[in-house]
């Protein structure tokens, strides 16, 4: 498969694919007799992984390390797996943060009218209001 088709299939630009190859995020792509990139299934898998590793927030350096390990003649599966586990832990932390933030937004939407009414009625003011930062439902396990 040529670069244009691979780019369309993966939903990223040809320039990005070239960059990934140039810096080592993906292994070198085989070439045809005219010197054009000829993407095979494994090459497309690497582009797919790189695209998704980037979405996961993996650094270019970590992606390069992962690809370099894959090209090693030694058994590096544990090292690659460790990189993936580290990234998964980072994503899990981000999910936890997003879920906590989502919970706060939901709570504020659910209680908005009641809070506005209490402020208007004088039952609540700037000093006599809830302390969101102390609420158990908004504190992560790390903060407790």
Protein backbone atom coordinates (compact mmCIF):
# COMPACT_ATOMS: atom_id res chain seq x y z
CA UNK A 1 0.00 0.00 0.00
CA UNK A 2 1.32 3.45 -0.85
CA UNK A 3 1.74 6.39 1.53
CA UNK A 4 -1.39 8.20 0.38
CA UNK A 5 -3.60 5.19 0.96
CA UNK A 6 -1.94 4.42 4.33
CA UNK A 7 -2.45 8.04 5.38
CA UNK A 8 -6.12 7.93 4.44
CA UNK A 9 -6.64 4.57 6.13
CA UNK A 10 -4.99 5.66 9.38
CA UNK A 11 -6.45 9.17 9.39
CA UNK A 12 -3.13 10.94 9.79
CA UNK A 13 -1.07 12.98 7.37
CA UNK A 14 1.70 11.60 5.21
CA UNK A 15 4.02 14.15 6.84
CA UNK A 16 3.20 12.71 10.29
CA UNK A 17 3.94 9.19 9.08
CA UNK A 18 7.24 10.37 7.59
CA UNK A 19 8.10 12.14 10.84
CA UNK A 20 7.28 9.02 12.89
CA UNK A 21 9.55 6.98 10.64
CA UNK A 22 12.35 9.59 10.60
CA UNK A 23 12.56 9.91 14.40
CA UNK A 24 12.04 6.21 15.08
CA UNK A 25 8.51 6.17 16.48
CA UNK A 26 7.81 3.47 13.90
CA UNK A 27 10.34 1.10 12.32
CA UNK A 28 11.52 1.88 8.79
CA UNK A 29 8.91 1.23 6.11
CA UNK A 30 9.93 -1.04 3.24
CA UNK A 31 10.34 0.54 -0.18
CA UNK A 32 9.31 -0.60 -3.63
CA UNK A 33 11.64 -0.75 -6.64
CA UNK A 34 11.12 2.99 -7.24
CA UNK A 35 11.98 3.91 -3.64
CA UNK A 36 8.41 4.67 -2.59
CA UNK A 37 7.16 3.49 0.79
CA UNK A 38 5.28 0.21 0.51
CA UNK A 39 3.18 -0.29 3.64
CA UNK A 40 2.61 -3.84 4.74
CA UNK A 41 0.19 -4.93 7.46
CA UNK A 42 2.86 -4.74 10.16
CA UNK A 43 3.79 -1.20 9.08
CA UNK A 44 0.15 -0.16 9.33
CA UNK A 45 -0.03 -1.71 12.78
CA UNK A 46 2.92 0.44 13.85
CA UNK A 47 1.28 3.59 12.47
CA UNK A 48 -1.95 2.64 14.25
CA UNK A 49 -0.08 2.08 17.52
CA UNK A 50 1.82 5.37 17.20
CA UNK A 51 -1.40 7.27 16.53
CA UNK A 52 -3.07 5.74 19.58
CA UNK A 53 -0.02 6.00 21.83
CA UNK A 54 0.00 9.71 21.04
CA UNK A 55 -3.72 9.96 21.89
CA UNK A 56 -2.91 8.20 25.16
CA UNK A 57 -0.42 10.92 25.98
CA UNK A 58 2.70 8.81 25.51
CA UNK A 59 5.77 10.94 24.92
CA UNK A 60 7.61 10.73 21.60
CA UNK A 61 10.64 9.53 23.56
CA UNK A 62 8.67 6.63 25.03
CA UNK A 63 7.25 5.77 21.62
CA UNK A 64 10.77 5.74 20.18
CA UNK A 65 11.95 3.56 23.03
CA UNK A 66 9.07 1.13 22.41
CA UNK A 67 9.85 0.91 18.68
CA UNK A 68 13.59 0.58 19.32
CA UNK A 69 12.99 -2.25 21.76
CA UNK A 70 10.79 -4.00 19.20
CA UNK A 71 13.67 -4.00 16.73
CA UNK A 72 16.13 -5.48 19.22
CA UNK A 73 17.54 -8.95 18.67
CA UNK A 74 17.19 -9.63 22.40
CA UNK A 75 14.08 -10.55 24.38
CA UNK A 76 12.77 -7.15 25.40
CA UNK A 77 9.12 -8.07 25.79
CA UNK A 78 9.16 -7.26 29.51
CA UNK A 79 10.66 -3.83 28.87
CA UNK A 80 8.04 -3.09 26.23
CA UNK A 81 5.30 -4.35 28.50
CA UNK A 82 6.58 -2.12 31.31
CA UNK A 83 6.34 0.93 29.04
CA UNK A 84 2.77 0.01 28.18
CA UNK A 85 1.89 -0.57 31.83
CA UNK A 86 3.31 2.84 32.78
CA UNK A 87 1.21 4.51 30.11
CA UNK A 88 -1.88 2.63 31.22
CA UNK A 89 -1.30 3.83 34.79
CA UNK A 90 -1.05 7.40 33.51
CA UNK A 91 -4.31 7.03 31.61
CA UNK A 92 -6.00 5.52 34.66
CA UNK A 93 -4.91 8.56 36.70
CA UNK A 94 -6.29 10.88 34.03
CA UNK A 95 -9.57 8.94 34.01
CA UNK A 96 -9.80 9.28 37.79
CA UNK A 97 -9.21 13.03 37.53
CA UNK A 98 -11.75 13.39 34.74
CA UNK A 99 -14.32 11.34 36.62
CA UNK A 100 -13.84 13.48 39.72
CA UNK A 101 -14.22 16.62 37.64
CA UNK A 102 -17.28 15.13 35.96
CA UNK A 103 -18.77 14.39 39.39
CA UNK A 104 -18.24 18.00 40.43
CA UNK A 105 -19.90 19.29 37.27
CA UNK A 106 -22.85 16.93 37.71
CA UNK A 107 -23.21 17.97 41.34
CA UNK A 108 -23.13 21.67 40.46
CA UNK A 109 -25.76 21.17 37.76
CA UNK A 110 -27.98 19.13 40.08
CA UNK A 111 -27.72 21.64 42.96
CA UNK A 112 -27.49 24.85 40.95
CA UNK A 113 -31.09 26.02 41.26
CA UNK A 114 -31.20 25.20 44.98
CA UNK A 115 -27.96 27.08 45.67
CA UNK A 116 -29.05 30.13 43.69
CA UNK A 117 -32.36 30.16 45.56
CA UNK A 118 -30.56 29.95 48.94
CA UNK A 119 -28.24 32.82 47.99
CA UNK A 120 -31.18 34.94 46.85
CA UNK A 121 -33.12 34.15 50.04
CA UNK A 122 -30.11 35.04 52.19
CA UNK A 123 -29.81 31.50 53.56
CA UNK A 124 -26.35 31.21 52.03
CA UNK A 125 -23.57 33.74 51.50
CA UNK A 126 -19.89 33.82 50.60
CA UNK A 127 -18.85 32.68 54.10
CA UNK A 128 -21.82 30.42 54.84
CA UNK A 129 -21.63 27.89 52.01
CA UNK A 130 -20.33 24.40 51.44
CA UNK A 131 -16.60 23.70 51.17
CA UNK A 132 -16.40 21.65 48.00
CA UNK A 133 -12.71 20.91 48.46
CA UNK A 134 -13.49 19.11 51.75
CA UNK A 135 -16.35 16.98 50.41
CA UNK A 136 -15.62 13.25 50.47
CA UNK A 137 -17.29 12.81 47.11
CA UNK A 138 -14.75 15.12 45.42
CA UNK A 139 -11.53 14.08 47.20
CA UNK A 140 -9.44 11.40 45.52
CA UNK A 141 -8.07 8.49 47.50
CA UNK A 142 -4.60 10.01 47.08
CA UNK A 143 -5.75 13.22 48.80
CA UNK A 144 -7.40 11.53 51.78
